Amino acid sequence: METQNSMSPSRPIMVIVQMQSTHISQDELYTITLTLVNKTRQESGCIDYNCYKNIDDDSVMEVILFESADAHQAHMSSPHVLAFLDKHQSLNLQYAVQRVNYLPVIV
């Protein structure tokens, strides 16, 4: 039986990533984050990907909808994500990541 807090490998999940850097501006962080958009959207397990600038602080937020937890895991191992992390390691990026079961509200 699946509990409320468990992730099903076959259920869609939404990943919310909030990033900040003490070394670059929000605009610069947003610009480099946008380099992930097209390649991520082309992944077979990606349903949707959007990137936003937070108006309350200097963070950037990514909201990515994946077909499954397995698709998210594949994304994290993809060449473009690994290259992004390697290339921008010196930026001292701080991440807050939330993974939630995607349960759309149908009215």
N, C-alpha and C. Protein backbone atom coordinates (compact mmCIF):
# COMPACT_ATOMS: atom_id res chain seq x y z
N MET A 1 0.84 -1.18 0.00
CA MET A 1 0.00 0.00 0.00
C MET A 1 0.89 1.24 0.00
N GLU A 2 0.50 2.20 -0.78
CA GLU A 2 1.28 3.44 -0.90
C GLU A 2 0.84 4.43 0.17
N THR A 3 1.82 5.01 0.86
CA THR A 3 1.50 6.01 1.86
C THR A 3 1.46 7.38 1.22
N GLN A 4 0.94 8.35 1.94
CA GLN A 4 0.83 9.71 1.41
C GLN A 4 2.18 10.31 1.05
N ASN A 5 3.23 9.95 1.75
CA ASN A 5 4.54 10.56 1.53
C ASN A 5 5.40 9.81 0.53
N SER A 6 4.90 8.72 -0.02
CA SER A 6 5.75 7.94 -0.92
C SER A 6 5.62 8.41 -2.36
N MET A 7 6.69 8.16 -3.11
CA MET A 7 6.73 8.50 -4.53
C MET A 7 6.56 7.21 -5.31
N SER A 8 5.58 7.15 -6.15
CA SER A 8 5.40 6.01 -7.03
C SER A 8 6.27 6.21 -8.26
N PRO A 9 7.04 5.19 -8.67
CA PRO A 9 7.89 5.37 -9.84
C PRO A 9 7.09 5.63 -11.11
N SER A 10 5.80 5.31 -11.12
CA SER A 10 5.01 5.49 -12.34
C SER A 10 4.04 6.67 -12.27
N ARG A 11 3.99 7.37 -11.17
CA ARG A 11 3.08 8.51 -11.01
C ARG A 11 3.82 9.79 -11.40
N PRO A 12 3.13 10.72 -12.08
CA PRO A 12 3.77 12.00 -12.40
C PRO A 12 4.21 12.73 -11.13
N ILE A 13 5.37 13.36 -11.22
CA ILE A 13 5.86 14.15 -10.09
C ILE A 13 6.23 15.55 -10.56
N MET A 14 6.07 16.49 -9.66
CA MET A 14 6.48 17.86 -9.91
C MET A 14 7.71 18.12 -9.05
N VAL A 15 8.73 18.67 -9.69
CA VAL A 15 9.97 19.00 -8.99
C VAL A 15 10.08 20.52 -8.98
N ILE A 16 10.21 21.08 -7.79
CA ILE A 16 10.33 22.52 -7.62
C ILE A 16 11.72 22.79 -7.05
N VAL A 17 12.51 23.54 -7.81
CA VAL A 17 13.89 23.84 -7.41
C VAL A 17 14.02 25.34 -7.23
N GLN A 18 14.47 25.74 -6.06
CA GLN A 18 14.75 27.15 -5.81
C GLN A 18 16.26 27.28 -5.68
N MET A 19 16.84 28.18 -6.50
CA MET A 19 18.29 28.36 -6.54
C MET A 19 18.67 29.80 -6.27
N GLN A 20 19.80 29.95 -5.60
CA GLN A 20 20.39 31.27 -5.37
C GLN A 20 21.90 31.15 -5.48
N SER A 21 22.54 32.26 -5.79
CA SER A 21 23.99 32.30 -5.81
C SER A 21 24.46 33.61 -5.18
N THR A 22 25.51 33.51 -4.41
CA THR A 22 26.10 34.72 -3.82
C THR A 22 27.10 35.36 -4.77
N HIS A 23 27.37 34.70 -5.91
CA HIS A 23 28.39 35.18 -6.83
C HIS A 23 27.86 35.87 -8.08
N ILE A 24 26.60 35.69 -8.38
CA ILE A 24 26.03 36.32 -9.58
C ILE A 24 24.64 36.87 -9.26
N SER A 25 24.16 37.73 -10.13
CA SER A 25 22.84 38.33 -9.93
C SER A 25 21.73 37.35 -10.30
N GLN A 26 20.53 37.70 -9.89
CA GLN A 26 19.36 36.90 -10.24
C GLN A 26 19.20 36.82 -11.76
N ASP A 27 19.41 37.93 -12.45
CA ASP A 27 19.29 37.93 -13.91
C ASP A 27 20.29 36.98 -14.56
N GLU A 28 21.51 36.99 -14.06
CA GLU A 28 22.53 36.08 -14.61
C GLU A 28 22.18 34.62 -14.31
N LEU A 29 21.71 34.35 -13.11
CA LEU A 29 21.31 32.99 -12.75
C LEU A 29 20.14 32.53 -13.61
N TYR A 30 19.18 33.40 -13.80
CA TYR A 30 18.03 33.08 -14.65
C TYR A 30 18.49 32.75 -16.07
N THR A 31 19.39 33.55 -16.61
CA THR A 31 19.89 33.35 -17.97
C THR A 31 20.59 32.01 -18.12
N ILE A 32 21.44 31.65 -17.16
CA ILE A 32 22.13 30.37 -17.30
C ILE A 32 21.19 29.19 -17.05
N THR A 33 20.17 29.38 -16.22
CA THR A 33 19.20 28.32 -15.99
C THR A 33 18.38 28.06 -17.24
N LEU A 34 18.11 29.10 -18.00
CA LEU A 34 17.35 28.93 -19.24
C LEU A 34 18.06 28.04 -20.25
N THR A 35 19.38 27.84 -20.08
CA THR A 35 20.10 26.95 -21.00
C THR A 35 19.63 25.50 -20.86
N LEU A 36 18.98 25.17 -19.76
CA LEU A 36 18.48 23.81 -19.55
C LEU A 36 17.10 23.57 -20.16
N VAL A 37 16.37 24.63 -20.44
CA VAL A 37 14.96 24.50 -20.81
C VAL A 37 14.74 23.62 -22.04
N ASN A 38 15.33 23.97 -23.16
CA ASN A 38 15.04 23.23 -24.40
C ASN A 38 15.44 21.77 -24.31
N LYS A 39 16.63 21.50 -23.80
CA LYS A 39 17.07 20.10 -23.72
C LYS A 39 16.22 19.31 -22.73
N THR A 40 15.82 19.93 -21.63
CA THR A 40 14.98 19.23 -20.66
C THR A 40 13.60 18.96 -21.25
N ARG A 41 13.03 19.93 -21.94
CA ARG A 41 11.71 19.73 -22.55
C ARG A 41 11.74 18.64 -23.62
N GLN A 42 12.90 18.36 -24.21
CA GLN A 42 13.02 17.32 -25.22
C GLN A 42 13.16 15.92 -24.61
N GLU A 43 13.40 15.83 -23.31
CA GLU A 43 13.52 14.53 -22.67
C GLU A 43 12.18 13.80 -22.75
N SER A 44 12.24 12.50 -22.98
CA SER A 44 11.00 11.73 -23.15
C SER A 44 10.13 11.75 -21.90
N GLY A 45 10.71 11.89 -20.71
CA GLY A 45 9.93 11.87 -19.48
C GLY A 45 9.50 13.23 -18.97
N CYS A 46 9.85 14.30 -19.69
CA CYS A 46 9.48 15.65 -19.25
C CYS A 46 8.14 16.04 -19.85
N ILE A 47 7.20 16.42 -19.01
CA ILE A 47 5.89 16.88 -19.46
C ILE A 47 5.90 18.40 -19.62
N ASP A 48 6.53 19.10 -18.67
CA ASP A 48 6.55 20.57 -18.72
C ASP A 48 7.73 21.07 -17.91
N TYR A 49 8.25 22.21 -18.31
CA TYR A 49 9.38 22.83 -17.60
C TYR A 49 9.24 24.33 -17.73
N ASN A 50 9.26 25.03 -16.60
CA ASN A 50 9.21 26.49 -16.58
C ASN A 50 10.20 27.01 -15.56
N CYS A 51 10.64 28.23 -15.80
CA CYS A 51 11.63 28.87 -14.94
C CYS A 51 11.11 30.27 -14.60
N TYR A 52 11.30 30.69 -13.33
CA TYR A 52 10.75 31.95 -12.86
C TYR A 52 11.77 32.70 -12.02
N LYS A 53 11.64 34.03 -11.99
CA LYS A 53 12.41 34.87 -11.07
C LYS A 53 11.52 35.18 -9.87
N ASN A 54 12.02 34.92 -8.68
CA ASN A 54 11.28 35.21 -7.46
C ASN A 54 11.24 36.73 -7.24
N ILE A 55 10.08 37.27 -6.90
CA ILE A 55 9.98 38.71 -6.67
C ILE A 55 10.28 39.09 -5.22
N ASP A 56 10.38 38.11 -4.32
CA ASP A 56 10.64 38.39 -2.91
C ASP A 56 12.11 38.30 -2.53
N ASP A 57 12.91 37.65 -3.35
CA ASP A 57 14.35 37.55 -3.09
C ASP A 57 15.07 37.37 -4.42
N ASP A 58 16.35 37.07 -4.38
CA ASP A 58 17.15 36.95 -5.60
C ASP A 58 17.21 35.53 -6.15
N SER A 59 16.27 34.70 -5.78
CA SER A 59 16.32 33.31 -6.23
C SER A 59 15.62 33.14 -7.58
N VAL A 60 15.92 32.00 -8.18
CA VAL A 60 15.29 31.57 -9.42
C VAL A 60 14.62 30.24 -9.11
N MET A 61 13.43 30.03 -9.65
CA MET A 61 12.70 28.81 -9.39
C MET A 61 12.44 28.06 -10.69
N GLU A 62 12.71 26.76 -10.66
CA GLU A 62 12.37 25.87 -11.76
C GLU A 62 11.19 25.02 -11.29
N VAL A 63 10.21 24.85 -12.16
CA VAL A 63 9.09 23.95 -11.89
C VAL A 63 9.04 22.99 -13.06
N ILE A 64 9.30 21.72 -12.76
CA ILE A 64 9.40 20.71 -13.82
C ILE A 64 8.44 19.58 -13.51
N LEU A 65 7.65 19.21 -14.49
CA LEU A 65 6.71 18.10 -14.35
C LEU A 65 7.25 16.92 -15.14
N PHE A 66 7.48 15.82 -14.43
CA PHE A 66 7.99 14.59 -15.04
C PHE A 66 6.92 13.51 -15.03
N GLU A 67 7.01 12.60 -15.99
CA GLU A 67 6.07 11.48 -16.05
C GLU A 67 6.18 10.57 -14.83
N SER A 68 7.36 10.53 -14.22
CA SER A 68 7.58 9.62 -13.10
C SER A 68 8.84 10.02 -12.34
N ALA A 69 9.02 9.40 -11.17
CA ALA A 69 10.26 9.61 -10.41
C ALA A 69 11.45 9.07 -11.19
N ASP A 70 11.24 7.99 -11.94
CA ASP A 70 12.32 7.44 -12.77
C ASP A 70 12.74 8.44 -13.85
N ALA A 71 11.78 9.15 -14.43
CA ALA A 71 12.10 10.16 -15.45
C ALA A 71 12.91 11.30 -14.83
N HIS A 72 12.57 11.66 -13.60
CA HIS A 72 13.35 12.70 -12.92
C HIS A 72 14.77 12.22 -12.66
N GLN A 73 14.91 10.97 -12.24
CA GLN A 73 16.24 10.41 -11.99
C GLN A 73 17.06 10.40 -13.28
N ALA A 74 16.43 10.03 -14.39
CA ALA A 74 17.13 10.04 -15.69
C ALA A 74 17.55 11.47 -16.04
N HIS A 75 16.70 12.43 -15.76
CA HIS A 75 17.02 13.84 -16.01
C HIS A 75 18.27 14.26 -15.24
N MET A 76 18.33 13.88 -13.98
CA MET A 76 19.47 14.28 -13.14
C MET A 76 20.78 13.66 -13.62
N SER A 77 20.70 12.57 -14.36
CA SER A 77 21.89 11.91 -14.90
C SER A 77 22.16 12.27 -16.35
N SER A 78 21.35 13.14 -16.91
CA SER A 78 21.49 13.49 -18.33
C SER A 78 22.74 14.33 -18.56
N PRO A 79 23.32 14.23 -19.74
CA PRO A 79 24.55 14.98 -20.03
C PRO A 79 24.40 16.49 -19.84
N HIS A 80 23.25 17.07 -20.21
CA HIS A 80 23.10 18.52 -20.09
C HIS A 80 23.00 18.98 -18.63
N VAL A 81 22.39 18.18 -17.77
CA VAL A 81 22.33 18.55 -16.35
C VAL A 81 23.71 18.39 -15.71
N LEU A 82 24.39 17.29 -16.00
CA LEU A 82 25.73 17.09 -15.44
C LEU A 82 26.69 18.18 -15.91
N ALA A 83 26.59 18.57 -17.18
CA ALA A 83 27.44 19.64 -17.71
C ALA A 83 27.12 20.97 -17.03
N PHE A 84 25.83 21.24 -16.82
CA PHE A 84 25.40 22.47 -16.14
C PHE A 84 26.00 22.52 -14.73
N LEU A 85 25.86 21.43 -13.99
CA LEU A 85 26.36 21.40 -12.62
C LEU A 85 27.87 21.55 -12.57
N ASP A 86 28.56 20.90 -13.50
CA ASP A 86 30.02 20.99 -13.55
C ASP A 86 30.47 22.40 -13.93
N LYS A 87 29.85 22.94 -14.96
CA LYS A 87 30.23 24.26 -15.47
C LYS A 87 30.01 25.37 -14.43
N HIS A 88 28.96 25.25 -13.66
CA HIS A 88 28.58 26.33 -12.74
C HIS A 88 28.90 26.02 -11.28
N GLN A 89 29.76 25.04 -11.06
CA GLN A 89 30.15 24.66 -9.70
C GLN A 89 30.76 25.84 -8.94
N SER A 90 31.48 26.70 -9.62
CA SER A 90 32.15 27.83 -8.97
C SER A 90 31.19 28.94 -8.53
N LEU A 91 29.94 28.85 -8.94
CA LEU A 91 28.97 29.89 -8.60
C LEU A 91 28.40 29.76 -7.19
N ASN A 92 28.78 28.68 -6.50
CA ASN A 92 28.28 28.46 -5.15
C ASN A 92 26.75 28.50 -5.12
N LEU A 93 26.14 27.70 -5.99
CA LEU A 93 24.68 27.66 -6.05
C LEU A 93 24.12 26.95 -4.82
N GLN A 94 23.11 27.55 -4.22
CA GLN A 94 22.38 26.91 -3.14
C GLN A 94 21.03 26.45 -3.70
N TYR A 95 20.68 25.20 -3.40
CA TYR A 95 19.46 24.60 -3.92
C TYR A 95 18.52 24.23 -2.79
N ALA A 96 17.24 24.41 -3.04
CA ALA A 96 16.19 23.81 -2.21
C ALA A 96 15.30 23.07 -3.20
N VAL A 97 15.19 21.76 -3.02
CA VAL A 97 14.46 20.92 -3.98
C VAL A 97 13.29 20.26 -3.26
N GLN A 98 12.13 20.36 -3.89
CA GLN A 98 10.94 19.65 -3.40
C GLN A 98 10.44 18.76 -4.53
N ARG A 99 10.12 17.52 -4.20
CA ARG A 99 9.52 16.60 -5.16
C ARG A 99 8.16 16.21 -4.60
N VAL A 100 7.12 16.46 -5.37
CA VAL A 100 5.77 16.17 -4.89
C VAL A 100 5.02 15.34 -5.91
N ASN A 101 4.12 14.49 -5.42
CA ASN A 101 3.25 13.77 -6.33
C ASN A 101 2.37 14.78 -7.04
N TYR A 102 2.24 14.61 -8.34
CA TYR A 102 1.42 15.53 -9.12
C TYR A 102 -0.01 15.01 -9.13
N LEU A 103 -0.87 15.72 -8.43
CA LEU A 103 -2.28 15.35 -8.33
C LEU A 103 -3.11 16.56 -8.74
N PRO A 104 -3.39 16.69 -10.04
CA PRO A 104 -4.13 17.88 -10.49
C PRO A 104 -5.53 17.92 -9.90
N VAL A 105 -5.97 19.12 -9.61
CA VAL A 105 -7.32 19.33 -9.11
C VAL A 105 -8.24 19.55 -10.31
N ILE A 106 -9.23 18.71 -10.42
CA ILE A 106 -10.18 18.83 -11.53
C ILE A 106 -11.49 19.35 -10.96
N VAL A 107 -11.90 20.49 -11.45
CA VAL A 107 -13.12 21.12 -10.94
C VAL A 107 -14.24 20.94 -11.93
